[in-house]
Protein backbone atom coordinates (compact mmCIF):
# COMPACT_ATOMS: atom_id res chain seq x y z
CA UNK A 1 93.62 21.75 157.87
CA UNK A 2 95.65 23.16 155.02
CA UNK A 3 94.36 26.11 153.15
CA UNK A 4 94.72 24.03 149.99
CA UNK A 5 92.26 21.54 151.40
CA UNK A 6 89.80 24.32 151.83
CA UNK A 7 90.37 25.52 148.24
CA UNK A 8 89.96 21.93 146.90
CA UNK A 9 86.71 21.66 148.92
CA UNK A 10 85.43 25.01 147.56
CA UNK A 11 86.12 23.88 144.00
CA UNK A 12 84.31 20.60 144.60
CA UNK A 13 81.23 22.20 146.01
CA UNK A 14 81.06 25.50 144.27
CA UNK A 15 83.09 25.64 141.01
CA UNK A 16 83.14 22.19 139.43
CA UNK A 17 79.28 21.54 139.66
CA UNK A 18 78.68 24.92 137.87
CA UNK A 19 81.26 24.52 135.08
CA UNK A 20 83.37 27.31 136.46
CA UNK A 21 87.15 27.43 136.16
CA UNK A 22 89.82 30.11 136.49
CA UNK A 23 89.41 31.43 132.90
CA UNK A 24 85.70 31.97 133.40
CA UNK A 25 86.16 33.77 136.71
CA UNK A 26 88.73 35.92 135.08
CA UNK A 27 86.24 36.80 132.34
CA UNK A 28 83.89 38.21 135.03
CA UNK A 29 86.51 40.45 136.17
CA UNK A 30 87.14 41.41 132.58
CA UNK A 31 83.52 42.56 132.41
CA UNK A 32 83.87 44.66 135.59
CA UNK A 33 87.22 46.11 134.29
CA UNK A 34 85.37 48.06 131.60
CA UNK A 35 84.87 50.59 134.47
CA UNK A 36 87.28 52.21 136.79
CA UNK A 37 86.75 50.39 140.04
CA UNK A 38 88.76 50.45 143.25
CA UNK A 39 87.76 46.88 144.22
CA UNK A 40 85.71 43.97 143.22
CA UNK A 41 85.00 40.51 144.55
CA UNK A 42 83.03 37.39 144.12
CA UNK A 43 81.78 35.51 147.36
CA UNK A 44 80.71 31.97 146.75
CA UNK A 45 78.83 30.08 149.42
CA UNK A 46 77.57 26.59 149.97
CA UNK A 47 75.87 25.70 153.31
CA UNK A 48 73.93 22.95 154.93
CA UNK A 49 72.28 23.32 158.30
CA UNK A 50 69.91 21.50 160.67
CA UNK A 51 68.23 21.97 164.01
CA UNK A 52 66.38 19.73 166.37
CA UNK A 53 64.12 21.02 169.15
CA UNK A 54 62.89 19.16 172.36
CA UNK A 55 60.02 20.27 174.46
CA UNK A 56 57.69 18.54 176.92
CA UNK A 57 59.92 15.37 176.82
CA UNK A 58 59.71 14.84 172.94
CA UNK A 59 61.63 16.14 169.95
CA UNK A 60 58.79 18.21 168.42
CA UNK A 61 60.50 19.72 165.43
CA UNK A 62 63.45 19.42 163.16
CA UNK A 63 64.58 21.28 160.19
CA UNK A 64 67.23 20.94 157.33
CA UNK A 65 68.33 23.59 154.84
CA UNK A 66 70.64 23.74 151.91
CA UNK A 67 71.68 27.19 150.53
CA UNK A 68 74.17 28.29 147.91
CA UNK A 69 74.88 31.31 145.86
CA UNK A 70 77.25 34.08 144.87
CA UNK A 71 77.45 37.72 145.74
CA UNK A 72 79.14 40.24 143.34
CA UNK A 73 80.57 43.42 144.75
CA UNK A 74 82.07 46.45 142.99
CA UNK A 75 83.43 49.49 144.83
CA UNK A 76 84.34 52.84 143.47
CA UNK A 77 85.34 55.54 145.98
CA UNK A 78 82.68 55.36 148.78
CA UNK A 79 80.09 53.87 146.52
CA UNK A 80 79.39 50.10 146.54
CA UNK A 81 77.29 48.19 144.04
CA UNK A 82 76.17 44.68 144.91
CA UNK A 83 74.16 41.85 143.25
CA UNK A 84 73.65 38.35 144.26
CA UNK A 85 72.15 35.14 142.86
CA UNK A 86 71.45 31.58 144.02
CA UNK A 87 72.25 30.54 140.46
CA UNK A 88 76.03 30.00 140.29
CA UNK A 89 76.72 29.87 136.60
CA UNK A 90 78.89 31.76 134.11
CA UNK A 91 75.72 33.65 132.82
CA UNK A 92 74.48 34.59 136.18
CA UNK A 93 77.88 35.94 137.12
CA UNK A 94 78.19 37.91 133.95
CA UNK A 95 74.79 39.48 134.52
CA UNK A 96 75.77 40.44 138.11
CA UNK A 97 79.01 41.88 136.94
CA UNK A 98 77.23 44.10 134.40
CA UNK A 99 74.75 45.24 136.97
CA UNK A 100 77.44 46.16 139.61
CA UNK A 101 79.93 47.98 137.38
CA UNK A 102 77.39 50.87 136.64
CA UNK A 103 78.58 52.80 139.70
CA UNK A 104 81.90 53.57 138.15
CA UNK A 105 83.25 55.95 135.45
CA UNK A 106 83.94 54.24 132.04
CA UNK A 107 87.44 53.13 131.11
CA UNK A 108 90.70 52.62 132.95
CA UNK A 109 89.97 49.23 134.56
CA UNK A 110 92.29 46.21 134.50
CA UNK A 111 91.13 42.58 134.45
CA UNK A 112 92.23 40.33 137.31
CA UNK A 113 94.64 37.48 136.86
CA UNK A 114 93.85 34.89 139.53
CA UNK A 115 97.29 33.79 140.54
CA UNK A 116 97.56 34.12 144.30
CA UNK A 117 96.11 31.68 146.84
CA UNK A 118 95.59 33.10 150.35
CA UNK A 119 97.68 31.34 152.95
CA UNK A 120 96.29 31.45 156.37
CA UNK A 121 96.75 29.09 159.40
CA UNK A 122 93.54 27.09 159.89
CA UNK A 123 91.60 27.73 163.10
CA UNK A 124 89.58 24.46 162.99
CA UNK A 125 89.19 21.15 161.19
CA UNK A 126 87.10 20.88 158.01
CA UNK A 127 84.50 18.77 159.65
CA UNK A 128 80.98 17.99 158.57
CA UNK A 129 79.08 18.20 161.82
CA UNK A 130 75.69 17.23 160.34
CA UNK A 131 77.13 13.65 159.69
CA UNK A 132 78.97 13.16 162.91
CA UNK A 133 75.77 11.57 164.63
CA UNK A 134 72.92 9.64 163.30
CA UNK A 135 69.48 11.18 163.53
CA UNK A 136 68.49 8.75 166.38
CA UNK A 137 71.57 9.75 168.28
CA UNK A 138 70.81 13.45 168.06
CA UNK A 139 67.36 12.86 169.41
CA UNK A 140 68.78 10.67 172.23
CA UNK A 141 71.32 13.43 173.21
CA UNK A 142 68.50 15.90 173.69
CA UNK A 143 66.50 13.28 175.64
CA UNK A 144 69.64 12.56 177.87
CA UNK A 145 70.02 16.27 178.58
CA UNK A 146 66.38 16.51 179.63
CA UNK A 147 66.75 13.65 182.08
CA UNK A 148 69.93 15.11 183.66
CA UNK A 149 68.06 18.39 184.26
CA UNK A 150 65.03 16.72 185.89
CA UNK A 151 67.18 14.58 188.02
CA UNK A 152 68.88 17.54 189.58
CA UNK A 153 65.82 18.96 191.33
CA UNK A 154 62.05 17.95 191.45
CA UNK A 155 61.17 21.62 191.12
CA UNK A 156 62.09 21.48 187.41
CA UNK A 157 58.75 21.28 185.50
CA UNK A 158 59.80 22.01 182.04
CA UNK A 159 62.91 21.55 179.89
CA UNK A 160 63.38 22.97 176.37
CA UNK A 161 66.53 22.35 174.44
CA UNK A 162 67.69 22.75 170.86
CA UNK A 163 70.61 21.30 168.97
CA UNK A 164 71.92 22.82 165.67
CA UNK A 165 74.75 22.36 163.24
CA UNK A 166 76.02 24.10 160.13
CA UNK A 167 78.52 23.06 157.48
CA UNK A 168 79.64 26.05 155.37
CA UNK A 169 82.06 26.29 152.45
CA UNK A 170 83.05 29.78 151.15
CA UNK A 171 85.31 30.93 148.32
CA UNK A 172 86.39 34.55 147.80
CA UNK A 173 87.72 35.67 144.39
CA UNK A 174 89.15 39.06 144.28
CA UNK A 175 90.09 41.64 141.73
CA UNK A 176 93.66 41.88 143.12
CA UNK A 177 94.11 38.10 141.92
CA UNK A 178 93.62 36.46 145.35
CA UNK A 179 91.52 33.28 145.81
CA UNK A 180 90.84 32.34 149.47
CA UNK A 181 88.58 29.57 150.74
CA UNK A 182 87.33 28.33 154.13
CA UNK A 183 85.48 25.27 155.42
CA UNK A 184 83.51 26.37 158.51
CA UNK A 185 81.85 23.82 160.84
CA UNK A 186 79.63 25.10 163.72
CA UNK A 187 77.55 23.22 166.34
CA UNK A 188 75.40 24.71 169.14
CA UNK A 189 73.16 23.56 171.88
CA UNK A 190 70.87 25.76 173.90
CA UNK A 191 69.01 24.77 177.09
CA UNK A 192 66.22 26.43 179.04
CA UNK A 193 64.53 25.09 182.15
CA UNK A 194 61.67 26.30 184.24
CA UNK A 195 61.53 25.73 188.02
CA UNK A 196 58.32 25.96 189.98
CA UNK A 197 57.77 26.37 193.80
CA UNK A 198 54.91 27.87 195.73
CA UNK A 199 53.15 29.13 192.68
CA UNK A 200 56.28 31.04 191.51
CA UNK A 201 57.99 30.09 188.20
CA UNK A 202 61.51 31.10 187.21
CA UNK A 203 63.87 30.35 184.24
CA UNK A 204 67.42 29.20 183.88
CA UNK A 205 69.40 29.05 180.60
CA UNK A 206 72.66 27.48 179.55
CA UNK A 207 74.46 26.16 176.43
CA UNK A 208 77.44 26.35 174.18
CA UNK A 209 79.15 25.25 171.15
CA UNK A 210 82.17 25.80 168.80
CA UNK A 211 83.54 25.18 165.32
CA UNK A 212 83.67 21.37 165.61
CA UNK A 213 81.19 18.49 165.46
CA UNK A 214 78.58 16.89 167.75
CA UNK A 215 81.38 15.09 169.63
CA UNK A 216 81.77 18.36 171.50
CA UNK A 217 78.72 17.53 173.54
CA UNK A 218 80.02 14.83 175.86
CA UNK A 219 78.26 13.66 178.91
CA UNK A 220 80.38 15.86 181.05
CA UNK A 221 79.47 18.97 178.90
CA UNK A 222 75.80 18.04 179.07
CA UNK A 223 76.00 17.72 182.89
CA UNK A 224 77.54 21.16 183.15
CA UNK A 225 74.84 22.79 180.98
CA UNK A 226 72.17 21.05 183.12
CA UNK A 227 73.82 22.15 186.44
CA UNK A 228 74.06 25.75 185.32
CA UNK A 229 70.72 26.09 183.96
CA UNK A 230 68.93 24.43 186.98
CA UNK A 231 71.18 26.39 189.43
CA UNK A 232 70.14 29.73 187.84
CA UNK A 233 66.43 28.81 187.86
CA UNK A 234 66.45 27.71 191.56
CA UNK A 235 68.52 30.82 192.58
CA UNK A 236 65.88 33.00 190.91
CA UNK A 237 62.99 31.25 192.82
CA UNK A 238 64.55 32.76 196.01
CA UNK A 239 65.44 36.21 194.52
CA UNK A 240 64.16 39.32 196.02
CA UNK A 241 63.40 42.59 194.16
CA UNK A 242 66.62 44.32 193.07
CA UNK A 243 67.53 47.64 194.63
CA UNK A 244 67.81 50.88 192.43
CA UNK A 245 70.38 53.55 192.54
CA UNK A 246 74.00 54.45 191.89
CA UNK A 247 76.26 51.71 193.26
CA UNK A 248 79.38 49.60 192.86
CA UNK A 249 78.79 46.63 190.47
CA UNK A 250 80.85 43.54 190.16
CA UNK A 251 80.56 41.77 186.83
CA UNK A 252 81.34 38.11 186.74
CA UNK A 253 83.86 36.56 184.24
CA UNK A 254 82.76 35.14 180.86
CA UNK A 255 79.42 35.88 179.30
CA UNK A 256 79.10 39.27 181.08
CA UNK A 257 81.62 40.35 178.42
CA UNK A 258 78.51 40.73 176.23
CA UNK A 259 78.24 44.22 177.99
CA UNK A 260 81.68 45.03 176.60
CA UNK A 261 80.76 43.69 173.17
CA UNK A 262 77.69 45.79 172.94
CA UNK A 263 78.62 48.98 174.82
CA UNK A 264 82.15 49.27 173.57
CA UNK A 265 82.86 46.85 170.71
CA UNK A 266 80.32 48.05 168.16
CA UNK A 267 81.65 51.65 168.75
CA UNK A 268 85.13 50.53 167.63
CA UNK A 269 83.97 49.14 164.22
CA UNK A 270 85.39 51.05 161.30
CA UNK A 271 82.23 52.16 159.50
CA UNK A 272 80.87 53.99 162.63
CA UNK A 273 84.21 55.78 163.05
CA UNK A 274 84.73 56.67 159.48
CA UNK A 275 81.39 58.40 159.39
CA UNK A 276 81.98 60.08 162.79
CA UNK A 277 78.93 58.57 164.39
CA UNK A 278 80.76 56.60 167.18
CA UNK A 279 81.59 58.06 170.54
CA UNK A 280 85.21 56.82 169.83
CA UNK A 281 85.63 58.57 166.51
CA UNK A 282 88.90 60.52 166.13
CA UNK A 283 90.16 59.51 169.47
CA UNK A 284 93.09 57.15 168.57
CA UNK A 285 95.89 57.69 170.98
CA UNK A 286 93.62 59.12 173.68
CA UNK A 287 92.73 57.58 177.12
CA UNK A 288 89.35 56.15 176.94
CA UNK A 289 89.43 53.68 179.79
CA UNK A 290 90.88 53.26 183.19
CA UNK A 291 94.63 52.17 183.40
CA UNK A 292 94.94 48.41 183.25
CA UNK A 293 91.96 47.95 180.76
CA UNK A 294 93.17 46.17 177.68
CA UNK A 295 90.58 45.10 175.05
CA UNK A 296 91.34 42.86 172.08
CA UNK A 297 89.42 41.25 169.15
CA UNK A 298 90.85 37.96 168.15
CA UNK A 299 89.51 35.86 165.35
CA UNK A 300 92.42 33.35 165.48
CA UNK A 301 91.38 31.45 168.70
CA UNK A 302 91.20 27.76 167.88
CA UNK A 303 87.58 26.40 167.56
CA UNK A 304 85.83 29.31 168.91
CA UNK A 305 82.37 30.31 167.45
CA UNK A 306 83.62 33.73 166.52
CA UNK A 307 86.80 32.59 164.91
CA UNK A 308 87.56 32.41 161.12
CA UNK A 309 90.56 31.23 159.08
CA UNK A 310 89.89 34.06 156.76
CA UNK A 311 87.15 36.68 156.87
CA UNK A 312 84.51 37.12 154.24
CA UNK A 313 86.83 39.23 152.07
CA UNK A 314 89.58 36.54 152.12
CA UNK A 315 91.83 38.31 154.66
CA UNK A 316 93.39 36.15 157.41
CA UNK A 317 91.91 36.93 160.72
CA UNK A 318 94.20 38.39 163.43
CA UNK A 319 94.51 39.53 167.01
CA UNK A 320 93.76 43.25 167.01
CA UNK A 321 94.53 45.35 170.21
CA UNK A 322 91.75 47.94 170.38
CA UNK A 323 92.35 49.43 173.83
CA UNK A 324 95.72 49.03 175.50
CA UNK A 325 96.17 49.91 179.14
CA UNK A 326 93.27 52.45 178.67
CA UNK A 327 94.58 53.97 175.52
CA UNK A 328 92.56 53.63 172.24
CA UNK A 329 94.87 51.95 169.74
CA UNK A 330 92.81 50.71 166.85
CA UNK A 331 89.55 50.02 165.15
CA UNK A 332 87.97 46.92 163.51
CA UNK A 333 88.29 47.22 159.75
CA UNK A 334 87.06 45.68 156.56
CA UNK A 335 88.80 46.56 153.26
CA UNK A 336 86.46 49.46 152.30
CA UNK A 337 86.64 51.41 155.54
CA UNK A 338 90.34 50.67 155.97
CA UNK A 339 91.09 52.12 152.53
CA UNK A 340 89.02 55.19 153.10
CA UNK A 341 90.56 55.76 156.54
CA UNK A 342 94.04 55.09 155.15
CA UNK A 343 94.46 52.09 157.50
CA UNK A 344 95.02 48.35 157.12
CA UNK A 345 92.23 45.74 157.11
CA UNK A 346 92.15 43.74 160.31
CA UNK A 347 90.39 40.65 158.98
CA UNK A 348 87.02 41.80 160.37
CA UNK A 349 85.02 41.99 157.07
CA UNK A 350 81.93 39.73 157.68
CA UNK A 351 78.62 38.98 156.07
CA UNK A 352 75.76 36.72 157.03
CA UNK A 353 75.60 35.11 153.63
CA UNK A 354 76.27 35.54 149.90
CA UNK A 355 73.06 37.73 149.80
CA UNK A 356 74.49 40.31 152.19
CA UNK A 357 77.08 43.11 152.00
CA UNK A 358 80.40 43.07 153.99
CA UNK A 359 80.45 45.01 157.24
CA UNK A 360 83.23 45.50 159.72
CA UNK A 361 82.20 43.08 162.56
CA UNK A 362 83.76 41.70 165.75
CA UNK A 363 84.98 38.11 166.09
CA UNK A 364 85.97 37.14 169.75
CA UNK A 365 86.12 40.39 171.78
CA UNK A 366 87.41 40.31 175.33
CA UNK A 367 89.16 42.25 178.09
CA UNK A 368 92.57 40.80 179.33
CA UNK A 369 92.99 39.75 182.84
CA UNK A 370 94.33 41.89 185.73
CA UNK A 371 96.03 41.34 189.00
CA UNK A 372 93.19 40.82 191.44
CA UNK A 373 91.80 37.68 192.92
CA UNK A 374 87.91 37.59 192.47
CA UNK A 375 87.45 37.05 196.13
CA UNK A 376 89.57 40.16 196.85
CA UNK A 377 87.31 42.19 194.48
CA UNK A 378 84.10 40.97 196.19
CA UNK A 379 85.67 41.66 199.59
CA UNK A 380 86.47 45.30 198.61
CA UNK A 381 82.74 46.20 198.18
CA UNK A 382 80.81 47.34 201.13
CA UNK A 383 77.41 47.48 199.37
CA UNK A 384 76.76 46.69 195.74
CA UNK A 385 75.56 44.31 193.10
CA UNK A 386 77.22 41.14 191.70
CA UNK A 387 75.98 40.43 188.22
CA UNK A 388 76.79 36.93 187.09
CA UNK A 389 74.70 36.52 184.03
CA UNK A 390 73.04 38.79 181.42
CA UNK A 391 69.88 38.50 179.36
CA UNK A 392 68.94 41.13 176.77
CA UNK A 393 70.23 44.63 176.24
CA UNK A 394 70.29 47.56 173.82
CA UNK A 395 72.86 50.15 172.96
CA UNK A 396 72.96 53.46 171.03
CA UNK A 397 76.20 53.51 169.06
CA UNK A 398 76.13 57.30 168.54
CA UNK A 399 76.52 58.11 172.29
CA UNK A 400 77.35 54.70 173.81
CA UNK A 401 74.28 54.61 176.21
CA UNK A 402 73.21 51.03 177.15
CA UNK A 403 70.66 49.17 179.08
CA UNK A 404 71.25 45.55 180.16
CA UNK A 405 69.16 43.15 182.16
CA UNK A 406 70.87 40.81 184.63
CA UNK A 407 69.34 37.34 184.48
CA UNK A 408 71.31 36.19 187.55
CA UNK A 409 72.51 38.81 190.16
CA UNK A 410 73.30 39.00 194.02
CA UNK A 411 73.58 41.62 196.59
CA UNK A 412 77.05 42.31 197.97
CA UNK A 413 76.95 43.30 201.60
CA UNK A 414 80.03 43.94 203.79
CA UNK A 415 82.29 42.17 201.30
CA UNK A 416 80.20 39.12 200.93
CA UNK A 417 77.73 37.79 198.26
CA UNK A 418 74.38 37.46 200.08
CA UNK A 419 70.81 37.45 198.70
CA UNK A 420 69.93 36.78 194.99
CA UNK A 421 67.96 39.60 193.37
CA UNK A 422 65.49 39.83 190.41
CA UNK A 423 64.86 42.62 187.99
CA UNK A 424 68.20 44.39 188.00
CA UNK A 425 69.08 46.41 184.95
CA UNK A 426 72.45 48.15 184.36
CA UNK A 427 72.24 51.58 182.80
CA UNK A 428 75.26 53.59 181.56
CA UNK A 429 77.46 54.84 178.82
CA UNK A 430 80.04 52.47 177.22
CA UNK A 431 83.00 54.87 176.99
CA UNK A 432 82.19 56.21 180.46
CA UNK A 433 81.91 52.86 182.09
CA UNK A 434 85.40 51.86 180.98
CA UNK A 435 86.80 54.81 183.02
CA UNK A 436 85.03 53.54 186.05
CA UNK A 437 86.62 50.06 186.09
CA UNK A 438 88.44 50.09 189.55
CA UNK A 439 89.65 46.36 189.77
CA UNK A 440 90.31 43.71 187.21
CA UNK A 441 90.31 40.05 188.10
CA UNK A 442 92.93 37.42 187.24
CA UNK A 443 90.26 34.98 186.04
CA UNK A 444 89.63 35.82 182.39
CA UNK A 445 87.06 33.42 180.90
CA UNK A 446 85.36 33.30 177.51
CA UNK A 447 81.73 32.58 176.85
CA UNK A 448 80.70 28.95 176.28
CA UNK A 449 79.86 29.57 172.58
CA UNK A 450 76.45 31.04 172.54
CA UNK A 451 77.04 34.45 171.26
CA UNK A 452 75.33 35.79 168.09
CA UNK A 453 75.76 39.42 167.03
CA UNK A 454 73.18 41.56 165.00
CA UNK A 455 74.03 44.52 162.98
CA UNK A 456 72.18 46.07 160.04
CA UNK A 457 69.81 43.08 160.04
CA UNK A 458 72.75 40.60 159.62
CA UNK A 459 73.51 37.91 162.28
CA UNK A 460 76.95 36.15 162.74
CA UNK A 461 78.48 34.04 165.41
CA UNK A 462 80.77 35.85 167.95
CA UNK A 463 82.58 35.22 171.11
CA UNK A 464 82.87 37.46 174.24
CA UNK A 465 84.81 37.39 177.47
CA UNK A 466 86.21 39.16 180.43
CA UNK A 467 87.67 38.58 184.00
CA UNK A 468 85.69 39.65 187.09
CA UNK A 469 85.49 43.42 187.04
CA UNK A 470 84.62 45.97 189.71
CA UNK A 471 82.85 49.04 188.23
CA UNK A 472 82.32 51.97 190.54
CA UNK A 473 79.35 54.39 190.30
CA UNK A 474 77.08 52.43 187.80
CA UNK A 475 73.40 53.06 187.70
CA UNK A 476 71.24 50.14 188.60
CA UNK A 477 67.56 50.10 187.74
CA UNK A 478 65.66 47.77 190.13
CA UNK A 479 62.24 46.75 191.16
CA UNK A 480 62.65 47.38 194.93
């Protein structure tokens, strides 16, 4: 996809139907320029989304939504004024501009001349996923997935699955004269199964997605989701109560990177560090992790859920090294926090929709691979816990303390994975846990496309990942 295709699509969906052209957009900035502002932008958005849900063998619900609107933001110093409207018209834009400019002192502004089109290498095709399958085929896909789950084991008594797609067109118009656009497809499938045996019931989950269309969900992909969900449920049927105490923990590759995302990633976002509320504030250039630990945030990975061609301020996304060989190298920045911290934006300005303010947010955050074979890591542990999958968790950004529940975990005894355990929680401190990484596997994996991140009431799709990790001296809360 060429960037010009995205701009043409944005003009088709957002500007032309509302009788907006360059001169009228420049007039909005002329209104804003009556005040001394450091920055102003317009964020236009058009989105269509749908979801289908299967339960008890039938598709019980479906939804379809269309939303569009524009957000107008003005920044003076540390102050931000913001107004939004689902009416995209010259009059609505003018009203919003007058409302937001009140934060700045009178005089001294300069009207924008919209002359620069942002060039960025596309990270996905401008597909419309909603139209990639007929309604009957979407229902059939969910029904096929259910049959695959039930065929794997007679102990599967319930299957719940949901299929969702979103087609989003955004246009960013900035006071520095830049226009940037992006066409963002997204599909996701989530699966939950319940297995029952001897009066005991346990759950298994799986799923995935990406910035593509429904063709992503081939029979091979559906079979893998079914296998993973059923396997997890059956393993948990045999699980014994988890032990408690301080022990060595081996984290599996892929989705367990959510611990890295929550316990470390949020603490590296620019707003928390500018305000001094992060445990990593003021520590650039210092050792914050064990040697060998390198953490990056990369919004340029093709087709990943967390990837963007441009962020929600119109800046191209990039690969940002946050921690390099244990040394803190950078933060994730939007334009506001970068300017106030005298740093460069990193393409991490994100918002849930036109009705939300920009925040510095992660895209795809992961730890790079190390030198060790995963089998070697397991064999090095005399007694410990092997955490393969995680459920919920919570983190305090100010001190880095976290609690995570393992949805699939096993005991390690004498260098071998033995009994599955249930009820294990990992308790620790994000900055501290990075210093306890003793071995890093060579099996880096990214999650399957299920990650969603919440911050200040806003949710955006993200990616996480890591190789197998051995962490020494981690507190495990159990039920034994």
